[in-house]
Amino acid sequence: MAGLQMHAQTHIPNMPEHDQKAYYFGITFGANYSTFRINNTQSFADHDTFKSIQPGSGPGFNLGIMGNLRLTNFIDLRFIPALVFAEKKLTLVDMNNVVTKTSVESIYMQLPLQVKFKSDRINNFRFYGILGGKFDYDLASNARSRRQDELLRVKAIDLGADVGIGFEFFYPNFIFSPEIKLSQGFINTQYKDSDIPLSNTIDAIRTRMIVFSIHLEG
């Protein structure tokens, strides 16, 4: 009898009341890799000064807070304002085969709103998917910079979409949630400047980011 009682106790889930909470909060932190998607102008193909423009990914990190609103047993609404440090790299090759490597650093004030689709809880585990949109404001934007040595100017404002998956592990006092998501910007963030040769060869640049996050939820 004692053995059966001990066996039953091991299956009592942690935080059993959590799924009935109307809302809760948490913190989030993680790492990201971001890059540009580039569309070149016809000038680049015909007679430009650059042979090749290759985007590359750079590392960054993010830190934010979370607000989660329960809509149904399987759907939540999340708001996760965050500060995101990101770096996008470019490798340029001119007509003389001179290679120039540069990077564009950004500090985003990011405001994403996401719908979270949850599975049934299996003891102390659950998986979920997210889908949503976001507003980004780049605090490090150089669109209004007066420097003459800029290779590229970027606008401050971007809008985009997020899609991802994550897992929830329930502990006695908190939830540990690793998550991976893909973010795609929709707005052409290049600030055109005819005095910059690279600006004349690029028609549009859009930001893409892969984010690995850890959420600690209460």
C-alpha atoms as a PDB file:
ATOM      1  CA  MET A   1       0.000   0.000   0.000  1.00  0.00           C
ATOM      2  CA  ALA A   2       2.819   2.412   0.858  1.00  0.00           C
ATOM      3  CA  GLY A   3       4.491   1.614  -2.459  1.00  0.00           C
ATOM      4  CA  LEU A   4       1.305   2.393  -4.393  1.00  0.00           C
ATOM      5  CA  GLN A   5       0.880   5.674  -2.523  1.00  0.00           C
ATOM      6  CA  MET A   6       4.464   6.718  -3.288  1.00  0.00           C
ATOM      7  CA  HIS A   7       3.998   5.798  -6.964  1.00  0.00           C
ATOM      8  CA  ALA A   8       0.851   7.949  -7.158  1.00  0.00           C
ATOM      9  CA  GLN A   9       2.593  10.917  -5.607  1.00  0.00           C
ATOM     10  CA  THR A  10       5.270  10.925  -8.305  1.00  0.00           C
ATOM     11  CA  HIS A  11       2.575  11.675 -10.918  1.00  0.00           C
ATOM     12  CA  ILE A  12       1.232  14.811  -9.251  1.00  0.00           C
ATOM     13  CA  PRO A  13       2.004  17.623 -11.742  1.00  0.00           C
ATOM     14  CA  ASN A  14       3.876  20.744 -10.738  1.00  0.00           C
ATOM     15  CA  MET A  15       1.920  24.033 -10.616  1.00  0.00           C
ATOM     16  CA  PRO A  16      -1.456  22.313 -11.243  1.00  0.00           C
ATOM     17  CA  GLU A  17      -3.345  25.621 -10.987  1.00  0.00           C
ATOM     18  CA  HIS A  18      -1.246  27.395 -13.616  1.00  0.00           C
ATOM     19  CA  ASP A  19      -3.385  26.445 -16.634  1.00  0.00           C
ATOM     20  CA  GLN A  20      -6.381  28.244 -15.131  1.00  0.00           C
ATOM     21  CA  LYS A  21      -4.609  31.581 -14.656  1.00  0.00           C
ATOM     22  CA  ALA A  22      -6.155  34.392 -16.691  1.00  0.00           C
ATOM     23  CA  TYR A  23      -2.734  35.994 -17.147  1.00  0.00           C
ATOM     24  CA  TYR A  24       0.848  35.706 -15.957  1.00  0.00           C
ATOM     25  CA  PHE A  25       4.251  37.285 -16.525  1.00  0.00           C
ATOM     26  CA  GLY A  26       7.820  36.231 -17.129  1.00  0.00           C
ATOM     27  CA  ILE A  27      11.232  37.223 -18.411  1.00  0.00           C
ATOM     28  CA  THR A  28      13.011  36.200 -21.602  1.00  0.00           C
ATOM     29  CA  PHE A  29      16.604  36.180 -22.799  1.00  0.00           C
ATOM     30  CA  GLY A  30      18.486  34.521 -25.604  1.00  0.00           C
ATOM     31  CA  ALA A  31      20.696  34.718 -28.678  1.00  0.00           C
ATOM     32  CA  ASN A  32      19.993  35.644 -32.287  1.00  0.00           C
ATOM     33  CA  TYR A  33      21.555  35.485 -35.732  1.00  0.00           C
ATOM     34  CA  SER A  34      20.409  38.081 -38.241  1.00  0.00           C
ATOM     35  CA  THR A  35      21.106  38.836 -41.879  1.00  0.00           C
ATOM     36  CA  PHE A  36      19.886  40.938 -44.803  1.00  0.00           C
ATOM     37  CA  ARG A  37      17.868  39.716 -47.768  1.00  0.00           C
ATOM     38  CA  ILE A  38      19.087  41.884 -50.660  1.00  0.00           C
ATOM     39  CA  ASN A  39      17.437  42.759 -53.977  1.00  0.00           C
ATOM     40  CA  ASN A  40      19.850  44.413 -56.395  1.00  0.00           C
ATOM     41  CA  THR A  41      19.029  47.116 -58.953  1.00  0.00           C
ATOM     42  CA  GLN A  42      19.453  46.695 -62.712  1.00  0.00           C
ATOM     43  CA  SER A  43      22.465  48.983 -62.408  1.00  0.00           C
ATOM     44  CA  PHE A  44      24.268  46.242 -60.487  1.00  0.00           C
ATOM     45  CA  ALA A  45      23.809  43.752 -63.334  1.00  0.00           C
ATOM     46  CA  ASP A  46      24.706  46.173 -66.132  1.00  0.00           C
ATOM     47  CA  HIS A  47      27.646  48.351 -65.222  1.00  0.00           C
ATOM     48  CA  ASP A  48      28.122  48.773 -61.516  1.00  0.00           C
ATOM     49  CA  THR A  49      31.292  49.115 -59.473  1.00  0.00           C
ATOM     50  CA  PHE A  50      30.622  45.945 -57.462  1.00  0.00           C
ATOM     51  CA  LYS A  51      31.068  42.405 -58.689  1.00  0.00           C
ATOM     52  CA  SER A  52      29.463  40.755 -55.684  1.00  0.00           C
ATOM     53  CA  ILE A  53      27.411  41.720 -52.637  1.00  0.00           C
ATOM     54  CA  GLN A  54      27.056  38.820 -50.220  1.00  0.00           C
ATOM     55  CA  PRO A  55      25.059  39.131 -46.968  1.00  0.00           C
ATOM     56  CA  GLY A  56      26.204  37.210 -43.918  1.00  0.00           C
ATOM     57  CA  SER A  57      24.761  36.520 -40.483  1.00  0.00           C
ATOM     58  CA  GLY A  58      26.048  38.019 -37.270  1.00  0.00           C
ATOM     59  CA  PRO A  59      25.433  37.129 -33.618  1.00  0.00           C
ATOM     60  CA  GLY A  60      23.427  39.118 -31.102  1.00  0.00           C
ATOM     61  CA  PHE A  61      21.360  38.762 -27.956  1.00  0.00           C
ATOM     62  CA  ASN A  62      17.945  39.782 -26.638  1.00  0.00           C
ATOM     63  CA  LEU A  63      16.439  40.568 -23.240  1.00  0.00           C
ATOM     64  CA  GLY A  64      12.796  41.272 -22.483  1.00  0.00           C
ATOM     65  CA  ILE A  65       9.704  40.767 -20.352  1.00  0.00           C
ATOM     66  CA  MET A  66       6.600  38.739 -21.102  1.00  0.00           C
ATOM     67  CA  GLY A  67       2.889  39.190 -20.555  1.00  0.00           C
ATOM     68  CA  ASN A  68       0.672  36.180 -21.326  1.00  0.00           C
ATOM     69  CA  LEU A  69      -3.128  36.323 -21.583  1.00  0.00           C
ATOM     70  CA  ARG A  70      -5.153  33.087 -21.593  1.00  0.00           C
ATOM     71  CA  LEU A  71      -7.840  33.069 -24.304  1.00  0.00           C
ATOM     72  CA  THR A  72      -8.877  29.395 -24.282  1.00  0.00           C
ATOM     73  CA  ASN A  73      -7.483  26.111 -22.964  1.00  0.00           C
ATOM     74  CA  PHE A  74      -5.271  25.881 -26.042  1.00  0.00           C
ATOM     75  CA  ILE A  75      -4.703  29.487 -27.178  1.00  0.00           C
ATOM     76  CA  ASP A  76      -2.871  32.355 -25.455  1.00  0.00           C
ATOM     77  CA  LEU A  77      -1.991  35.898 -26.492  1.00  0.00           C
ATOM     78  CA  ARG A  78       1.579  37.018 -25.704  1.00  0.00           C
ATOM     79  CA  PHE A  79       3.234  40.421 -25.640  1.00  0.00           C
ATOM     80  CA  ILE A  80       7.022  40.376 -25.239  1.00  0.00           C
ATOM     81  CA  PRO A  81       8.660  43.835 -25.396  1.00  0.00           C
ATOM     82  CA  ALA A  82      12.403  43.330 -25.699  1.00  0.00           C
ATOM     83  CA  LEU A  83      15.707  45.019 -26.360  1.00  0.00           C
ATOM     84  CA  VAL A  84      17.490  43.206 -29.184  1.00  0.00           C
ATOM     85  CA  PHE A  85      21.149  43.688 -30.117  1.00  0.00           C
ATOM     86  CA  ALA A  86      21.804  42.432 -33.660  1.00  0.00           C
ATOM     87  CA  GLU A  87      24.529  42.476 -36.307  1.00  0.00           C
ATOM     88  CA  LYS A  88      24.226  41.940 -40.068  1.00  0.00           C
ATOM     89  CA  LYS A  89      27.366  41.368 -42.145  1.00  0.00           C
ATOM     90  CA  LEU A  90      28.178  42.233 -45.760  1.00  0.00           C
ATOM     91  CA  THR A  91      31.035  41.115 -47.995  1.00  0.00           C
ATOM     92  CA  LEU A  92      31.639  43.340 -51.031  1.00  0.00           C
ATOM     93  CA  VAL A  93      33.858  42.577 -54.050  1.00  0.00           C
ATOM     94  CA  ASP A  94      34.544  45.447 -56.475  1.00  0.00           C
ATOM     95  CA  MET A  95      35.578  45.273 -60.125  1.00  0.00           C
ATOM     96  CA  ASN A  96      39.250  45.142 -59.103  1.00  0.00           C
ATOM     97  CA  ASN A  97      38.569  42.112 -56.886  1.00  0.00           C
ATOM     98  CA  VAL A  98      39.139  44.123 -53.726  1.00  0.00           C
ATOM     99  CA  VAL A  99      37.186  42.536 -50.883  1.00  0.00           C
ATOM    100  CA  THR A 100      35.576  44.760 -48.245  1.00  0.00           C
ATOM    101  CA  LYS A 101      33.874  43.311 -45.193  1.00  0.00           C
ATOM    102  CA  THR A 102      31.551  45.419 -43.105  1.00  0.00           C
ATOM    103  CA  SER A 103      28.721  45.009 -40.636  1.00  0.00           C
ATOM    104  CA  VAL A 104      25.574  46.888 -39.709  1.00  0.00           C
ATOM    105  CA  GLU A 105      24.834  46.909 -35.984  1.00  0.00           C
ATOM    106  CA  SER A 106      21.328  47.481 -34.683  1.00  0.00           C
ATOM    107  CA  ILE A 107      19.718  47.957 -31.291  1.00  0.00           C
ATOM    108  CA  TYR A 108      16.029  47.192 -31.694  1.00  0.00           C
ATOM    109  CA  MET A 109      13.244  48.169 -29.370  1.00  0.00           C
ATOM    110  CA  GLN A 110      11.051  45.249 -30.354  1.00  0.00           C
ATOM    111  CA  LEU A 111       7.300  45.021 -29.722  1.00  0.00           C
ATOM    112  CA  PRO A 112       5.939  41.622 -30.816  1.00  0.00           C
ATOM    113  CA  LEU A 113       2.359  40.420 -30.380  1.00  0.00           C
ATOM    114  CA  GLN A 114       1.972  36.662 -30.781  1.00  0.00           C
ATOM    115  CA  VAL A 115      -0.720  33.996 -30.695  1.00  0.00           C
ATOM    116  CA  LYS A 116       0.431  30.874 -28.860  1.00  0.00           C
ATOM    117  CA  PHE A 117      -1.124  27.493 -29.752  1.00  0.00           C
ATOM    118  CA  LYS A 118      -0.647  24.984 -26.909  1.00  0.00           C
ATOM    119  CA  SER A 119      -0.849  21.205 -26.819  1.00  0.00           C
ATOM    120  CA  ASP A 120      -2.368  19.191 -23.991  1.00  0.00           C
ATOM    121  CA  ARG A 121      -0.161  19.077 -20.921  1.00  0.00           C
ATOM    122  CA  ILE A 122       1.608  15.753 -20.408  1.00  0.00           C
ATOM    123  CA  ASN A 123       2.515  15.663 -16.709  1.00  0.00           C
ATOM    124  CA  ASN A 124       5.122  18.451 -16.499  1.00  0.00           C
ATOM    125  CA  PHE A 125       5.679  18.954 -20.232  1.00  0.00           C
ATOM    126  CA  ARG A 126       3.929  20.680 -23.133  1.00  0.00           C
ATOM    127  CA  PHE A 127       4.908  21.947 -26.597  1.00  0.00           C
ATOM    128  CA  TYR A 128       3.505  24.943 -28.454  1.00  0.00           C
ATOM    129  CA  GLY A 129       3.680  26.965 -31.658  1.00  0.00           C
ATOM    130  CA  ILE A 130       3.616  30.732 -32.105  1.00  0.00           C
ATOM    131  CA  LEU A 131       2.520  33.036 -34.909  1.00  0.00           C
ATOM    132  CA  GLY A 132       2.484  36.807 -34.767  1.00  0.00           C
ATOM    133  CA  GLY A 133       3.629  40.208 -35.914  1.00  0.00           C
ATOM    134  CA  LYS A 134       6.128  42.725 -34.580  1.00  0.00           C
ATOM    135  CA  PHE A 135       7.148  46.362 -34.670  1.00  0.00           C
ATOM    136  CA  ASP A 136      10.882  47.161 -34.538  1.00  0.00           C
ATOM    137  CA  TYR A 137      12.510  50.507 -33.887  1.00  0.00           C
ATOM    138  CA  ASP A 138      16.273  50.613 -34.474  1.00  0.00           C
ATOM    139  CA  LEU A 139      17.858  52.889 -31.873  1.00  0.00           C
ATOM    140  CA  ALA A 140      21.172  52.666 -33.763  1.00  0.00           C
ATOM    141  CA  SER A 141      19.772  53.651 -37.175  1.00  0.00           C
ATOM    142  CA  ASN A 142      22.188  55.761 -39.235  1.00  0.00           C
ATOM    143  CA  ALA A 143      19.606  57.067 -41.720  1.00  0.00           C
ATOM    144  CA  ARG A 144      20.193  60.665 -40.584  1.00  0.00           C
ATOM    145  CA  SER A 145      23.930  60.326 -40.106  1.00  0.00           C
ATOM    146  CA  ARG A 146      26.127  63.013 -41.690  1.00  0.00           C
ATOM    147  CA  ARG A 147      29.237  60.816 -41.838  1.00  0.00           C
ATOM    148  CA  GLN A 148      30.791  60.547 -45.292  1.00  0.00           C
ATOM    149  CA  ASP A 149      32.308  57.086 -44.779  1.00  0.00           C
ATOM    150  CA  GLU A 150      29.018  55.182 -44.416  1.00  0.00           C
ATOM    151  CA  LEU A 151      28.719  52.191 -46.756  1.00  0.00           C
ATOM    152  CA  LEU A 152      24.996  51.750 -46.143  1.00  0.00           C
ATOM    153  CA  ARG A 153      22.230  53.656 -44.405  1.00  0.00           C
ATOM    154  CA  VAL A 154      19.268  51.908 -42.755  1.00  0.00           C
ATOM    155  CA  LYS A 155      15.914  53.226 -41.597  1.00  0.00           C
ATOM    156  CA  ALA A 156      14.765  52.990 -37.998  1.00  0.00           C
ATOM    157  CA  ILE A 157      11.315  51.426 -38.443  1.00  0.00           C
ATOM    158  CA  ASP A 158      10.489  47.880 -39.532  1.00  0.00           C
ATOM    159  CA  LEU A 159       7.426  45.635 -39.438  1.00  0.00           C
ATOM    160  CA  GLY A 160       7.613  41.878 -39.621  1.00  0.00           C
ATOM    161  CA  ALA A 161       6.227  38.448 -38.721  1.00  0.00           C
ATOM    162  CA  ASP A 162       7.298  35.704 -36.304  1.00  0.00           C
ATOM    163  CA  VAL A 163       6.776  31.947 -36.466  1.00  0.00           C
ATOM    164  CA  GLY A 164       8.267  29.401 -34.097  1.00  0.00           C
ATOM    165  CA  ILE A 165       7.970  26.457 -31.735  1.00  0.00           C
ATOM    166  CA  GLY A 166       8.786  25.943 -28.084  1.00  0.00           C
ATOM    167  CA  PHE A 167       8.556  23.575 -25.130  1.00  0.00           C
ATOM    168  CA  GLU A 168       7.342  24.121 -21.571  1.00  0.00           C
ATOM    169  CA  PHE A 169       8.871  22.255 -18.634  1.00  0.00           C
ATOM    170  CA  PHE A 170       6.944  22.734 -15.390  1.00  0.00           C
ATOM    171  CA  TYR A 171       8.935  22.988 -12.162  1.00  0.00           C
ATOM    172  CA  PRO A 172       7.478  23.523  -8.673  1.00  0.00           C
ATOM    173  CA  ASN A 173       7.818  27.335  -8.787  1.00  0.00           C
ATOM    174  CA  PHE A 174       8.355  28.312 -12.435  1.00  0.00           C
ATOM    175  CA  ILE A 175       8.140  27.201 -16.066  1.00  0.00           C
ATOM    176  CA  PHE A 176      11.285  26.768 -18.159  1.00  0.00           C
ATOM    177  CA  SER A 177      10.541  27.323 -21.870  1.00  0.00           C
ATOM    178  CA  PRO A 178      13.189  27.024 -24.606  1.00  0.00           C
ATOM    179  CA  GLU A 179      11.998  28.396 -27.951  1.00  0.00           C
ATOM    180  CA  ILE A 180      13.233  28.899 -31.500  1.00  0.00           C
ATOM    181  CA  LYS A 181      11.598  31.292 -33.966  1.00  0.00           C
ATOM    182  CA  LEU A 182      12.157  32.818 -37.392  1.00  0.00           C
ATOM    183  CA  SER A 183      11.481  36.540 -37.867  1.00  0.00           C
ATOM    184  CA  GLN A 184      11.085  38.149 -41.281  1.00  0.00           C
ATOM    185  CA  GLY A 185      10.964  41.894 -41.868  1.00  0.00           C
ATOM    186  CA  PHE A 186       8.568  43.232 -44.505  1.00  0.00           C
ATOM    187  CA  ILE A 187       9.759  46.816 -44.954  1.00  0.00           C
ATOM    188  CA  ASN A 188      12.627  47.888 -47.199  1.00  0.00           C
ATOM    189  CA  THR A 189      14.894  49.349 -44.524  1.00  0.00           C
ATOM    190  CA  GLN A 190      17.467  50.871 -46.879  1.00  0.00           C
ATOM    191  CA  TYR A 191      17.685  54.654 -46.721  1.00  0.00           C
ATOM    192  CA  LYS A 192      18.565  55.743 -50.264  1.00  0.00           C
ATOM    193  CA  ASP A 193      21.580  58.036 -50.622  1.00  0.00           C
ATOM    194  CA  SER A 194      22.863  58.646 -54.150  1.00  0.00           C
ATOM    195  CA  ASP A 195      26.249  59.711 -52.781  1.00  0.00           C
ATOM    196  CA  ILE A 196      26.900  56.161 -51.521  1.00  0.00           C
ATOM    197  CA  PRO A 197      27.885  53.762 -54.348  1.00  0.00           C
ATOM    198  CA  LEU A 198      26.459  50.729 -52.563  1.00  0.00           C
ATOM    199  CA  SER A 199      23.098  52.457 -52.164  1.00  0.00           C
ATOM    200  CA  ASN A 200      22.837  52.818 -55.959  1.00  0.00           C
ATOM    201  CA  THR A 201      23.291  49.066 -56.481  1.00  0.00           C
ATOM    202  CA  ILE A 202      20.777  47.830 -53.891  1.00  0.00           C
ATOM    203  CA  ASP A 203      17.079  48.146 -54.586  1.00  0.00           C
ATOM    204  CA  ALA A 204      15.836  46.786 -51.239  1.00  0.00           C
ATOM    205  CA  ILE A 205      17.084  45.170 -48.048  1.00  0.00           C
ATOM    206  CA  ARG A 206      14.955  43.280 -45.560  1.00  0.00           C
ATOM    207  CA  THR A 207      15.959  41.759 -42.261  1.00  0.00           C
ATOM    208  CA  ARG A 208      15.717  38.088 -41.364  1.00  0.00           C
ATOM    209  CA  MET A 209      16.519  36.763 -37.896  1.00  0.00           C
ATOM    210  CA  ILE A 210      16.683  33.383 -36.138  1.00  0.00           C
ATOM    211  CA  VAL A 211      16.153  33.704 -32.380  1.00  0.00           C
ATOM    212  CA  PHE A 212      16.892  31.133 -29.670  1.00  0.00           C
ATOM    213  CA  SER A 213      15.143  32.177 -26.450  1.00  0.00           C
ATOM    214  CA  ILE A 214      14.676  30.980 -22.895  1.00  0.00           C
ATOM    215  CA  HIS A 215      11.478  32.062 -21.132  1.00  0.00           C
ATOM    216  CA  LEU A 216      11.125  31.870 -17.364  1.00  0.00           C
ATOM    217  CA  GLU A 217       7.430  32.116 -16.532  1.00  0.00           C
ATOM    218  CA  GLY A 218       5.580  32.284 -13.214  1.00  0.00           C
END
